[in-house]
Amino acid sequence: MKAKSMKDRNGEPISPDMLEQLKQLEAKRDEDIDLTDMPEVLDWSNAVRGRYYRPIKKPYSLRLDEDVVAWFKSRGDGYQTRINAALREYMLSHVEKPS
């Protein structure tokens, strides 16, 4: 990929300096990367899922029952976010756990 077309996750072009830093980091072996300022986390009991993860949103045309949408809208702004959360909860409850 050419440096001119390389973009970060927000769609902004990645600077040549940042590309150079990434190339240097990629060339290193895992053992040679200094992680002393970032100690390994061994206890994940207080971890919060999705705190920094924000999936990319994509618009879809979707037919929903009018009363369902009205119910979500009646609870105030953010009804699309709540519908998405309800669909995600359903999806996660139906994901097969690896055995």
Protein backbone atom coordinates (compact mmCIF):
# COMPACT_ATOMS: atom_id res chain seq x y z
CA MET A 1 0.00 0.00 0.00
CA LYS A 2 1.36 3.40 -0.91
CA ALA A 3 2.00 5.86 1.91
CA LYS A 4 -0.25 8.46 0.26
CA SER A 5 -3.33 6.22 0.50
CA MET A 6 -2.61 4.85 3.99
CA LYS A 7 -5.19 6.13 6.47
CA ASP A 8 -5.82 5.64 10.15
CA ARG A 9 -9.08 4.31 11.56
CA ASN A 10 -10.66 7.78 11.52
CA GLY A 11 -9.93 8.19 7.81
CA GLU A 12 -7.11 10.68 8.38
CA PRO A 13 -3.91 10.18 6.37
CA ILE A 14 -1.08 8.65 8.40
CA SER A 15 1.95 10.94 8.48
CA PRO A 16 5.24 9.74 6.96
CA ASP A 17 6.82 9.93 10.45
CA MET A 18 4.15 7.65 11.90
CA LEU A 19 4.52 5.22 8.99
CA GLU A 20 8.26 5.08 9.62
CA GLN A 21 7.69 4.39 13.34
CA LEU A 22 5.22 1.62 12.47
CA LYS A 23 7.67 0.04 10.03
CA GLN A 24 10.44 0.11 12.67
CA LEU A 25 8.14 -1.46 15.25
CA GLU A 26 6.98 -4.12 12.79
CA ALA A 27 10.60 -5.07 12.08
CA LYS A 28 11.30 -5.79 15.77
CA ARG A 29 10.90 -9.19 17.36
CA ASP A 30 8.26 -9.32 20.11
CA GLU A 31 10.97 -10.01 22.71
CA ASP A 32 12.80 -6.79 21.74
CA ILE A 33 9.87 -4.45 22.36
CA ASP A 34 10.19 -2.58 25.66
CA LEU A 35 6.97 -2.99 27.64
CA THR A 36 8.25 -1.79 31.02
CA ASP A 37 5.95 1.24 30.93
CA MET A 38 3.01 -1.08 30.21
CA PRO A 39 3.00 -4.01 32.66
CA GLU A 40 1.11 -7.15 31.71
CA VAL A 41 -2.41 -7.32 33.12
CA LEU A 42 -2.98 -10.65 34.86
CA ASP A 43 -6.25 -9.87 36.65
CA TRP A 44 -9.11 -9.04 34.26
CA SER A 45 -11.88 -9.34 36.88
CA ASN A 46 -12.62 -5.58 36.75
CA ALA A 47 -12.38 -5.30 32.97
CA VAL A 48 -15.17 -3.47 31.16
CA ARG A 49 -16.18 -4.86 27.78
CA GLY A 50 -16.38 -2.34 24.98
CA ARG A 51 -15.05 0.63 26.94
CA TYR A 52 -12.78 1.73 24.09
CA TYR A 53 -14.06 -0.49 21.31
CA ARG A 54 -16.43 1.31 18.99
CA PRO A 55 -17.60 -0.78 16.06
CA ILE A 56 -17.94 1.00 12.75
CA LYS A 57 -21.54 2.02 12.13
CA LYS A 58 -23.06 1.40 8.71
CA PRO A 59 -26.47 2.64 7.60
CA TYR A 60 -29.03 0.01 6.62
CA SER A 61 -32.58 0.15 5.44
CA LEU A 62 -34.49 -2.08 7.81
CA ARG A 63 -38.20 -2.74 8.14
CA LEU A 64 -39.35 -2.90 11.75
CA ASP A 65 -42.81 -3.07 13.24
CA GLU A 66 -44.12 0.43 13.87
CA ASP A 67 -45.08 -0.29 17.48
CA VAL A 68 -41.56 -1.56 18.24
CA VAL A 69 -39.95 1.62 16.92
CA ALA A 70 -42.57 3.76 18.70
CA TRP A 71 -41.78 2.04 21.99
CA PHE A 72 -38.04 2.71 21.63
CA LYS A 73 -38.70 6.32 20.56
CA SER A 74 -41.02 6.88 23.54
CA ARG A 75 -38.05 6.45 25.86
CA GLY A 76 -36.34 9.58 24.47
CA ASP A 77 -33.39 10.39 22.28
CA GLY A 78 -31.05 7.62 21.29
CA TYR A 79 -33.66 5.10 20.19
CA GLN A 80 -31.43 3.78 17.39
CA THR A 81 -28.64 3.18 19.90
CA ARG A 82 -31.04 1.30 22.18
CA ILE A 83 -32.33 -0.81 19.27
CA ASN A 84 -28.72 -1.62 18.37
CA ALA A 85 -27.97 -2.54 22.00
CA ALA A 86 -31.02 -4.83 22.11
CA LEU A 87 -29.93 -6.55 18.90
CA ARG A 88 -26.36 -6.91 20.23
CA GLU A 89 -27.63 -8.43 23.49
CA TYR A 90 -29.70 -10.92 21.52
CA MET A 91 -26.75 -11.71 19.23
CA LEU A 92 -24.35 -12.27 22.14
CA SER A 93 -26.84 -14.50 23.94
CA HIS A 94 -26.94 -16.73 20.87
CA VAL A 95 -23.22 -16.95 20.16
CA GLU A 96 -22.03 -20.51 20.55
CA LYS A 97 -19.38 -20.84 23.22
CA PRO A 98 -16.24 -22.75 22.13
CA SER A 99 -16.02 -26.16 23.81
